[in-house]
């Protein structure tokens, strides 16, 4: 099962629809284990469909094994299961962790010039020490090259004590501050975007997911004909359908009965979230 999660506006009920059709070979949630789908996998299926911009399902082959008359009932059961699951501590914990993992990091505030000077000097002195140690362990004929390197490093180290070194000038300090202020403003913008995109309470996201699903499935042509394409791939007779989104195509493959049941559950869920 895929484990990629990209938290964008997803299609929650579409995930439920496909989970329903793909996971259920009878009309009860309890039948999941009997058909080889554990509760953990079913929760993951729902979670990844909720949290990603794709539909996640454990085994598309099972879709074709679901009896036509059972599919709508399966959608209703999985919808109820999903509504229950997203209220659990497990879902909230996973969502919270995912949200925090996408929180932007603030920029690092520049250190005072005196501190930068001291740290760079200490690093240079450490490099000199290590190079001298290496030089002493080498044969005498190889030491001159390392001696040149040590002399060069010592000369650079002296520059750190030069009060006129432009690396530590007031101009450089002002430039660093300007860059920090600019980065800080960008960080604040990203943080505001993050707070809107990943709200602490997932209810607004669920409303967006449901609305997105309804928008993407309102004009699926379930009667669209297919034909053989290159390399044995089946393609739409109408070439315009080939450019449709992957979710539109998945809804087409799921079938009208499944998708219409999903749309009904989506509208009900939206009413409940008002």
C-alpha atoms as a PDB file:
ATOM      1  CA  UNK A   1       0.000   0.000   0.000  1.00  0.00           C
ATOM      2  CA  UNK A   2       1.300   3.420  -0.839  1.00  0.00           C
ATOM      3  CA  UNK A   3       2.571   5.439   2.099  1.00  0.00           C
ATOM      4  CA  UNK A   4       3.111   8.838   0.474  1.00  0.00           C
ATOM      5  CA  UNK A   5       1.108  11.590   2.130  1.00  0.00           C
ATOM      6  CA  UNK A   6       0.842  15.022   0.596  1.00  0.00           C
ATOM      7  CA  UNK A   7      -1.538  17.118   2.644  1.00  0.00           C
ATOM      8  CA  UNK A   8      -3.392  19.222   0.117  1.00  0.00           C
ATOM      9  CA  UNK A   9      -7.081  19.670  -0.485  1.00  0.00           C
ATOM     10  CA  UNK A  10      -8.094  16.079  -0.868  1.00  0.00           C
ATOM     11  CA  UNK A  11     -11.215  14.230  -1.885  1.00  0.00           C
ATOM     12  CA  UNK A  12     -12.373  12.569   1.265  1.00  0.00           C
ATOM     13  CA  UNK A  13     -15.484  10.819   0.092  1.00  0.00           C
ATOM     14  CA  UNK A  14     -13.797   9.687  -3.084  1.00  0.00           C
ATOM     15  CA  UNK A  15     -11.340   7.929  -0.836  1.00  0.00           C
ATOM     16  CA  UNK A  16     -14.211   6.464   1.115  1.00  0.00           C
ATOM     17  CA  UNK A  17     -15.905   5.415  -2.098  1.00  0.00           C
ATOM     18  CA  UNK A  18     -12.893   3.538  -3.378  1.00  0.00           C
ATOM     19  CA  UNK A  19     -12.100   2.134   0.053  1.00  0.00           C
ATOM     20  CA  UNK A  20     -15.650   0.866   0.157  1.00  0.00           C
ATOM     21  CA  UNK A  21     -15.540  -0.735  -3.242  1.00  0.00           C
ATOM     22  CA  UNK A  22     -12.013  -2.024  -2.867  1.00  0.00           C
ATOM     23  CA  UNK A  23     -12.176  -3.333   0.677  1.00  0.00           C
ATOM     24  CA  UNK A  24     -15.651  -4.761   1.053  1.00  0.00           C
ATOM     25  CA  UNK A  25     -16.771  -8.055  -0.460  1.00  0.00           C
ATOM     26  CA  UNK A  26     -19.862  -8.153   1.736  1.00  0.00           C
ATOM     27  CA  UNK A  27     -21.895  -5.404   3.336  1.00  0.00           C
ATOM     28  CA  UNK A  28     -20.447  -5.265   6.824  1.00  0.00           C
ATOM     29  CA  UNK A  29     -17.376  -3.580   8.294  1.00  0.00           C
ATOM     30  CA  UNK A  30     -16.708  -6.780  10.218  1.00  0.00           C
ATOM     31  CA  UNK A  31     -16.098  -8.584   6.942  1.00  0.00           C
ATOM     32  CA  UNK A  32     -12.851  -6.685   6.351  1.00  0.00           C
ATOM     33  CA  UNK A  33     -10.698  -9.181   8.200  1.00  0.00           C
ATOM     34  CA  UNK A  34     -12.413 -12.094   6.538  1.00  0.00           C
ATOM     35  CA  UNK A  35     -11.380 -10.765   3.116  1.00  0.00           C
ATOM     36  CA  UNK A  36      -7.816 -10.118   4.210  1.00  0.00           C
ATOM     37  CA  UNK A  37      -8.054  -6.386   4.975  1.00  0.00           C
ATOM     38  CA  UNK A  38      -7.128  -5.572   8.560  1.00  0.00           C
ATOM     39  CA  UNK A  39      -8.704  -2.671  10.483  1.00  0.00           C
ATOM     40  CA  UNK A  40      -5.286  -1.008  10.482  1.00  0.00           C
ATOM     41  CA  UNK A  41      -5.132  -1.075   6.689  1.00  0.00           C
ATOM     42  CA  UNK A  42      -8.696   0.212   6.416  1.00  0.00           C
ATOM     43  CA  UNK A  43      -7.856   3.134   8.714  1.00  0.00           C
ATOM     44  CA  UNK A  44      -4.708   3.853   6.751  1.00  0.00           C
ATOM     45  CA  UNK A  45      -6.680   3.743   3.535  1.00  0.00           C
ATOM     46  CA  UNK A  46      -9.106   6.332   4.844  1.00  0.00           C
ATOM     47  CA  UNK A  47      -6.383   8.458   6.444  1.00  0.00           C
ATOM     48  CA  UNK A  48      -4.245   8.642   3.324  1.00  0.00           C
ATOM     49  CA  UNK A  49      -7.262   9.432   1.171  1.00  0.00           C
ATOM     50  CA  UNK A  50      -8.220  12.160   3.633  1.00  0.00           C
ATOM     51  CA  UNK A  51      -4.750  13.617   3.886  1.00  0.00           C
ATOM     52  CA  UNK A  52      -3.386  13.258   0.374  1.00  0.00           C
ATOM     53  CA  UNK A  53      -4.175  14.576  -3.043  1.00  0.00           C
ATOM     54  CA  UNK A  54      -4.807  11.078  -4.345  1.00  0.00           C
ATOM     55  CA  UNK A  55      -7.042   8.155  -3.533  1.00  0.00           C
ATOM     56  CA  UNK A  56      -5.578   5.330  -1.524  1.00  0.00           C
ATOM     57  CA  UNK A  57      -6.905   1.786  -1.608  1.00  0.00           C
ATOM     58  CA  UNK A  58      -5.266  -1.525  -0.768  1.00  0.00           C
ATOM     59  CA  UNK A  59      -6.239  -3.654  -3.736  1.00  0.00           C
ATOM     60  CA  UNK A  60      -7.995  -2.372  -6.831  1.00  0.00           C
ATOM     61  CA  UNK A  61      -8.672  -5.948  -7.961  1.00  0.00           C
ATOM     62  CA  UNK A  62     -11.175  -6.262  -5.111  1.00  0.00           C
ATOM     63  CA  UNK A  63     -13.242  -3.509  -6.681  1.00  0.00           C
ATOM     64  CA  UNK A  64     -14.269  -5.816  -9.480  1.00  0.00           C
ATOM     65  CA  UNK A  65     -15.290  -8.517  -7.000  1.00  0.00           C
ATOM     66  CA  UNK A  66     -17.837  -6.376  -5.195  1.00  0.00           C
ATOM     67  CA  UNK A  67     -21.358  -7.295  -6.199  1.00  0.00           C
ATOM     68  CA  UNK A  68     -23.027  -4.394  -7.968  1.00  0.00           C
ATOM     69  CA  UNK A  69     -25.966  -4.298  -5.585  1.00  0.00           C
ATOM     70  CA  UNK A  70     -23.676  -4.194  -2.564  1.00  0.00           C
ATOM     71  CA  UNK A  71     -21.562  -1.230  -3.557  1.00  0.00           C
ATOM     72  CA  UNK A  72     -23.865   1.599  -2.448  1.00  0.00           C
ATOM     73  CA  UNK A  73     -24.421  -0.093   0.898  1.00  0.00           C
ATOM     74  CA  UNK A  74     -20.680  -0.549   1.262  1.00  0.00           C
ATOM     75  CA  UNK A  75     -20.119   3.153   0.626  1.00  0.00           C
ATOM     76  CA  UNK A  76     -22.605   4.075   3.349  1.00  0.00           C
ATOM     77  CA  UNK A  77     -20.922   1.732   5.807  1.00  0.00           C
ATOM     78  CA  UNK A  78     -17.422   2.968   5.051  1.00  0.00           C
ATOM     79  CA  UNK A  79     -18.656   6.576   5.250  1.00  0.00           C
ATOM     80  CA  UNK A  80     -20.007   5.883   8.730  1.00  0.00           C
ATOM     81  CA  UNK A  81     -16.764   4.142   9.619  1.00  0.00           C
ATOM     82  CA  UNK A  82     -14.736   7.125   8.359  1.00  0.00           C
ATOM     83  CA  UNK A  83     -16.847   9.631  10.288  1.00  0.00           C
ATOM     84  CA  UNK A  84     -16.242   7.634  13.412  1.00  0.00           C
ATOM     85  CA  UNK A  85     -12.542   7.174  12.783  1.00  0.00           C
ATOM     86  CA  UNK A  86     -11.725  10.854  12.248  1.00  0.00           C
ATOM     87  CA  UNK A  87     -13.112  11.563  15.733  1.00  0.00           C
ATOM     88  CA  UNK A  88     -10.668   9.164  17.369  1.00  0.00           C
ATOM     89  CA  UNK A  89      -7.505  10.093  19.223  1.00  0.00           C
ATOM     90  CA  UNK A  90      -5.530   8.025  16.707  1.00  0.00           C
ATOM     91  CA  UNK A  91      -6.641  10.147  13.747  1.00  0.00           C
ATOM     92  CA  UNK A  92      -6.218  13.418  15.631  1.00  0.00           C
ATOM     93  CA  UNK A  93      -2.727  12.408  16.738  1.00  0.00           C
ATOM     94  CA  UNK A  94      -1.693  11.505  13.206  1.00  0.00           C
ATOM     95  CA  UNK A  95      -3.176  14.693  11.821  1.00  0.00           C
ATOM     96  CA  UNK A  96      -1.502  16.819  14.501  1.00  0.00           C
ATOM     97  CA  UNK A  97       1.890  15.247  13.828  1.00  0.00           C
ATOM     98  CA  UNK A  98       1.486  15.686  10.103  1.00  0.00           C
ATOM     99  CA  UNK A  99       0.431  19.313  10.590  1.00  0.00           C
ATOM    100  CA  UNK A 100       3.428  20.093  12.806  1.00  0.00           C
ATOM    101  CA  UNK A 101       5.804  18.418  10.364  1.00  0.00           C
ATOM    102  CA  UNK A 102       4.695  20.930   7.734  1.00  0.00           C
ATOM    103  CA  UNK A 103       5.014  23.975   9.938  1.00  0.00           C
ATOM    104  CA  UNK A 104       7.591  26.365   8.455  1.00  0.00           C
ATOM    105  CA  UNK A 105      10.788  26.933  10.386  1.00  0.00           C
ATOM    106  CA  UNK A 106      11.688  30.499  11.363  1.00  0.00           C
ATOM    107  CA  UNK A 107      14.927  31.910   9.963  1.00  0.00           C
ATOM    108  CA  UNK A 108      17.982  31.887  12.183  1.00  0.00           C
ATOM    109  CA  UNK A 109      18.744  35.297  13.613  1.00  0.00           C
ATOM    110  CA  UNK A 110      22.239  36.476  12.646  1.00  0.00           C
ATOM    111  CA  UNK A 111      24.792  36.377  15.419  1.00  0.00           C
ATOM    112  CA  UNK A 112      26.614  39.525  16.564  1.00  0.00           C
ATOM    113  CA  UNK A 113      29.693  40.248  14.473  1.00  0.00           C
ATOM    114  CA  UNK A 114      31.990  39.749  17.441  1.00  0.00           C
ATOM    115  CA  UNK A 115      30.580  36.263  17.947  1.00  0.00           C
ATOM    116  CA  UNK A 116      30.863  35.416  14.252  1.00  0.00           C
ATOM    117  CA  UNK A 117      34.485  36.592  14.261  1.00  0.00           C
ATOM    118  CA  UNK A 118      35.322  34.501  17.341  1.00  0.00           C
ATOM    119  CA  UNK A 119      33.653  31.366  16.010  1.00  0.00           C
ATOM    120  CA  UNK A 120      35.349  31.580  12.613  1.00  0.00           C
ATOM    121  CA  UNK A 121      38.697  32.165  14.263  1.00  0.00           C
ATOM    122  CA  UNK A 122      38.184  29.135  16.517  1.00  0.00           C
ATOM    123  CA  UNK A 123      37.300  26.990  13.503  1.00  0.00           C
ATOM    124  CA  UNK A 124      40.413  28.175  11.684  1.00  0.00           C
ATOM    125  CA  UNK A 125      42.613  27.426  14.676  1.00  0.00           C
ATOM    126  CA  UNK A 126      41.152  23.941  14.872  1.00  0.00           C
ATOM    127  CA  UNK A 127      41.901  23.400  11.179  1.00  0.00           C
ATOM    128  CA  UNK A 128      45.490  24.551  11.732  1.00  0.00           C
ATOM    129  CA  UNK A 129      45.885  22.171  14.667  1.00  0.00           C
ATOM    130  CA  UNK A 130      44.531  19.195  12.730  1.00  0.00           C
ATOM    131  CA  UNK A 131      46.672  19.963   9.685  1.00  0.00           C
ATOM    132  CA  UNK A 132      49.815  20.253  11.829  1.00  0.00           C
ATOM    133  CA  UNK A 133      49.014  16.929  13.486  1.00  0.00           C
ATOM    134  CA  UNK A 134      48.630  15.271  10.082  1.00  0.00           C
ATOM    135  CA  UNK A 135      51.856  16.872   8.858  1.00  0.00           C
ATOM    136  CA  UNK A 136      53.859  15.451  11.775  1.00  0.00           C
ATOM    137  CA  UNK A 137      52.680  11.921  10.947  1.00  0.00           C
ATOM    138  CA  UNK A 138      53.911  12.116   7.336  1.00  0.00           C
ATOM    139  CA  UNK A 139      57.336  11.311   5.906  1.00  0.00           C
ATOM    140  CA  UNK A 140      59.702  14.287   5.797  1.00  0.00           C
ATOM    141  CA  UNK A 141      59.527  14.623   1.997  1.00  0.00           C
ATOM    142  CA  UNK A 142      55.741  15.148   2.129  1.00  0.00           C
ATOM    143  CA  UNK A 143      55.705  17.740   4.887  1.00  0.00           C
ATOM    144  CA  UNK A 144      56.593  20.852   2.839  1.00  0.00           C
ATOM    145  CA  UNK A 145      53.227  20.783   1.042  1.00  0.00           C
ATOM    146  CA  UNK A 146      51.380  20.639   4.354  1.00  0.00           C
ATOM    147  CA  UNK A 147      53.661  23.348   5.765  1.00  0.00           C
ATOM    148  CA  UNK A 148      52.504  25.664   2.987  1.00  0.00           C
ATOM    149  CA  UNK A 149      48.902  24.891   3.852  1.00  0.00           C
ATOM    150  CA  UNK A 150      49.495  25.608   7.540  1.00  0.00           C
ATOM    151  CA  UNK A 151      51.195  28.928   6.729  1.00  0.00           C
ATOM    152  CA  UNK A 152      48.278  29.906   4.506  1.00  0.00           C
ATOM    153  CA  UNK A 153      45.736  29.055   7.235  1.00  0.00           C
ATOM    154  CA  UNK A 154      47.684  31.034   9.830  1.00  0.00           C
ATOM    155  CA  UNK A 155      47.687  34.037   7.530  1.00  0.00           C
ATOM    156  CA  UNK A 156      43.927  33.751   7.110  1.00  0.00           C
ATOM    157  CA  UNK A 157      43.541  33.461  10.881  1.00  0.00           C
ATOM    158  CA  UNK A 158      45.331  36.797  11.318  1.00  0.00           C
ATOM    159  CA  UNK A 159      42.733  38.425   9.093  1.00  0.00           C
ATOM    160  CA  UNK A 160      40.056  37.584  11.650  1.00  0.00           C
ATOM    161  CA  UNK A 161      41.845  39.939  14.072  1.00  0.00           C
ATOM    162  CA  UNK A 162      42.035  42.728  11.510  1.00  0.00           C
ATOM    163  CA  UNK A 163      39.585  45.475  12.634  1.00  0.00           C
ATOM    164  CA  UNK A 164      39.229  46.599   9.010  1.00  0.00           C
ATOM    165  CA  UNK A 165      38.251  43.163   7.696  1.00  0.00           C
ATOM    166  CA  UNK A 166      35.162  43.803   5.498  1.00  0.00           C
ATOM    167  CA  UNK A 167      33.715  40.410   6.517  1.00  0.00           C
ATOM    168  CA  UNK A 168      32.908  41.918   9.925  1.00  0.00           C
ATOM    169  CA  UNK A 169      32.132  45.483   8.932  1.00  0.00           C
ATOM    170  CA  UNK A 170      29.075  47.498   9.921  1.00  0.00           C
ATOM    171  CA  UNK A 171      27.974  47.321   6.290  1.00  0.00           C
ATOM    172  CA  UNK A 172      28.062  43.525   6.366  1.00  0.00           C
ATOM    173  CA  UNK A 173      26.182  43.503   9.664  1.00  0.00           C
ATOM    174  CA  UNK A 174      23.468  45.764   8.211  1.00  0.00           C
ATOM    175  CA  UNK A 175      23.229  43.544   5.128  1.00  0.00           C
ATOM    176  CA  UNK A 176      22.759  40.448   7.260  1.00  0.00           C
ATOM    177  CA  UNK A 177      20.049  42.195   9.265  1.00  0.00           C
ATOM    178  CA  UNK A 178      18.213  43.226   6.087  1.00  0.00           C
ATOM    179  CA  UNK A 179      18.362  39.651   4.789  1.00  0.00           C
ATOM    180  CA  UNK A 180      17.077  38.373   8.129  1.00  0.00           C
ATOM    181  CA  UNK A 181      14.180  40.865   8.146  1.00  0.00           C
ATOM    182  CA  UNK A 182      13.234  39.807   4.619  1.00  0.00           C
ATOM    183  CA  UNK A 183      13.406  36.118   5.558  1.00  0.00           C
ATOM    184  CA  UNK A 184      11.353  36.805   8.669  1.00  0.00           C
ATOM    185  CA  UNK A 185       8.600  38.437   6.625  1.00  0.00           C
ATOM    186  CA  UNK A 186       8.588  35.478   4.235  1.00  0.00           C
ATOM    187  CA  UNK A 187       8.396  33.167   7.239  1.00  0.00           C
ATOM    188  CA  UNK A 188       5.388  35.051   8.635  1.00  0.00           C
ATOM    189  CA  UNK A 189       3.657  34.782   5.254  1.00  0.00           C
ATOM    190  CA  UNK A 190       4.353  31.040   5.094  1.00  0.00           C
ATOM    191  CA  UNK A 191       3.172  30.616   8.677  1.00  0.00           C
ATOM    192  CA  UNK A 192      -0.129  32.376   7.915  1.00  0.00           C
ATOM    193  CA  UNK A 193      -0.557  30.160   4.846  1.00  0.00           C
ATOM    194  CA  UNK A 194       0.232  27.083   6.945  1.00  0.00           C
ATOM    195  CA  UNK A 195      -2.321  28.033   9.600  1.00  0.00           C
ATOM    196  CA  UNK A 196      -4.968  28.420   6.905  1.00  0.00           C
ATOM    197  CA  UNK A 197      -4.028  25.275   5.006  1.00  0.00           C
ATOM    198  CA  UNK A 198      -3.538  23.082   8.054  1.00  0.00           C
ATOM    199  CA  UNK A 199      -5.961  24.294  10.748  1.00  0.00           C
ATOM    200  CA  UNK A 200      -5.576  22.908  14.254  1.00  0.00           C
ATOM    201  CA  UNK A 201      -9.140  21.591  14.048  1.00  0.00           C
ATOM    202  CA  UNK A 202      -9.520  19.385  10.919  1.00  0.00           C
ATOM    203  CA  UNK A 203     -13.223  20.169  10.419  1.00  0.00           C
ATOM    204  CA  UNK A 204     -12.601  23.023   7.903  1.00  0.00           C
ATOM    205  CA  UNK A 205     -10.357  20.740   5.891  1.00  0.00           C
ATOM    206  CA  UNK A 206     -12.984  18.037   5.828  1.00  0.00           C
ATOM    207  CA  UNK A 207     -15.486  20.537   4.454  1.00  0.00           C
ATOM    208  CA  UNK A 208     -12.987  21.445   1.738  1.00  0.00           C
ATOM    209  CA  UNK A 209     -12.349  17.774   0.962  1.00  0.00           C
ATOM    210  CA  UNK A 210     -16.052  17.035   0.654  1.00  0.00           C
ATOM    211  CA  UNK A 211     -16.670  20.081  -1.521  1.00  0.00           C
ATOM    212  CA  UNK A 212     -13.710  19.151  -3.717  1.00  0.00           C
ATOM    213  CA  UNK A 213     -15.066  15.654  -4.190  1.00  0.00           C
ATOM    214  CA  UNK A 214     -18.490  16.941  -5.176  1.00  0.00           C
ATOM    215  CA  UNK A 215     -16.931  19.365  -7.651  1.00  0.00           C
ATOM    216  CA  UNK A 216     -14.685  16.722  -9.251  1.00  0.00           C
ATOM    217  CA  UNK A 217     -17.404  14.108  -9.646  1.00  0.00           C
ATOM    218  CA  UNK A 218     -20.359  16.185 -10.748  1.00  0.00           C
ATOM    219  CA  UNK A 219     -19.713  15.667 -14.474  1.00  0.00           C
ATOM    220  CA  UNK A 220     -18.205  12.198 -14.751  1.00  0.00           C
ATOM    221  CA  UNK A 221     -19.297  10.532 -17.980  1.00  0.00           C
ATOM    222  CA  UNK A 222     -19.856   6.985 -16.787  1.00  0.00           C
ATOM    223  CA  UNK A 223     -20.991   5.956 -20.277  1.00  0.00           C
ATOM    224  CA  UNK A 224     -17.679   6.981 -21.830  1.00  0.00           C
ATOM    225  CA  UNK A 225     -16.405   4.342 -24.235  1.00  0.00           C
ATOM    226  CA  UNK A 226     -12.901   2.886 -24.163  1.00  0.00           C
ATOM    227  CA  UNK A 227     -10.697   1.544 -26.916  1.00  0.00           C
ATOM    228  CA  UNK A 228      -7.367  -0.212 -27.190  1.00  0.00           C
ATOM    229  CA  UNK A 229      -4.426   2.158 -27.176  1.00  0.00           C
ATOM    230  CA  UNK A 230      -0.703   1.712 -27.442  1.00  0.00           C
ATOM    231  CA  UNK A 231       1.035  -1.064 -25.554  1.00  0.00           C
ATOM    232  CA  UNK A 232      -2.248  -2.727 -24.640  1.00  0.00           C
ATOM    233  CA  UNK A 233      -3.465   0.258 -22.614  1.00  0.00           C
ATOM    234  CA  UNK A 234      -7.170   1.072 -22.660  1.00  0.00           C
ATOM    235  CA  UNK A 235      -7.884   4.718 -23.470  1.00  0.00           C
ATOM    236  CA  UNK A 236     -10.993   6.853 -23.852  1.00  0.00           C
ATOM    237  CA  UNK A 237     -12.555   7.149 -27.281  1.00  0.00           C
ATOM    238  CA  UNK A 238     -13.070  10.830 -26.485  1.00  0.00           C
ATOM    239  CA  UNK A 239      -9.484  12.184 -26.324  1.00  0.00           C
ATOM    240  CA  UNK A 240     -10.580  15.075 -24.060  1.00  0.00           C
ATOM    241  CA  UNK A 241     -11.162  12.576 -21.246  1.00  0.00           C
ATOM    242  CA  UNK A 242      -7.498  11.548 -21.290  1.00  0.00           C
ATOM    243  CA  UNK A 243      -6.619  14.936 -19.795  1.00  0.00           C
ATOM    244  CA  UNK A 244      -9.070  14.561 -16.927  1.00  0.00           C
ATOM    245  CA  UNK A 245      -7.696  14.345 -13.395  1.00  0.00           C
ATOM    246  CA  UNK A 246      -6.690  11.015 -11.911  1.00  0.00           C
ATOM    247  CA  UNK A 247      -9.551  11.347  -9.409  1.00  0.00           C
ATOM    248  CA  UNK A 248     -12.077  11.875 -12.223  1.00  0.00           C
ATOM    249  CA  UNK A 249     -10.777   8.745 -13.926  1.00  0.00           C
ATOM    250  CA  UNK A 250     -10.861   6.777 -10.692  1.00  0.00           C
ATOM    251  CA  UNK A 251     -14.468   7.823 -10.141  1.00  0.00           C
ATOM    252  CA  UNK A 252     -15.223   6.635 -13.677  1.00  0.00           C
ATOM    253  CA  UNK A 253     -13.657   3.257 -12.922  1.00  0.00           C
ATOM    254  CA  UNK A 254     -15.473   2.962  -9.599  1.00  0.00           C
ATOM    255  CA  UNK A 255     -18.813   3.264 -11.378  1.00  0.00           C
ATOM    256  CA  UNK A 256     -21.896   5.435 -11.192  1.00  0.00           C
ATOM    257  CA  UNK A 257     -23.592   3.550  -8.360  1.00  0.00           C
ATOM    258  CA  UNK A 258     -20.552   3.878  -6.115  1.00  0.00           C
ATOM    259  CA  UNK A 259     -19.882   7.531  -6.914  1.00  0.00           C
ATOM    260  CA  UNK A 260     -23.519   8.596  -6.586  1.00  0.00           C
ATOM    261  CA  UNK A 261     -23.684   6.897  -3.201  1.00  0.00           C
ATOM    262  CA  UNK A 262     -20.501   8.724  -2.253  1.00  0.00           C
ATOM    263  CA  UNK A 263     -21.941  12.056  -3.375  1.00  0.00           C
ATOM    264  CA  UNK A 264     -25.025  11.443  -1.276  1.00  0.00           C
ATOM    265  CA  UNK A 265     -22.876  10.725   1.770  1.00  0.00           C
ATOM    266  CA  UNK A 266     -20.745  13.788   1.051  1.00  0.00           C
ATOM    267  CA  UNK A 267     -23.771  16.068   1.020  1.00  0.00           C
ATOM    268  CA  UNK A 268     -25.032  14.536   4.263  1.00  0.00           C
ATOM    269  CA  UNK A 269     -21.656  14.967   5.891  1.00  0.00           C
ATOM    270  CA  UNK A 270     -21.463  18.608   4.788  1.00  0.00           C
ATOM    271  CA  UNK A 271     -24.865  19.242   6.358  1.00  0.00           C
ATOM    272  CA  UNK A 272     -23.621  17.702   9.601  1.00  0.00           C
ATOM    273  CA  UNK A 273     -20.551  19.973   9.601  1.00  0.00           C
ATOM    274  CA  UNK A 274     -22.561  23.205   9.352  1.00  0.00           C
END
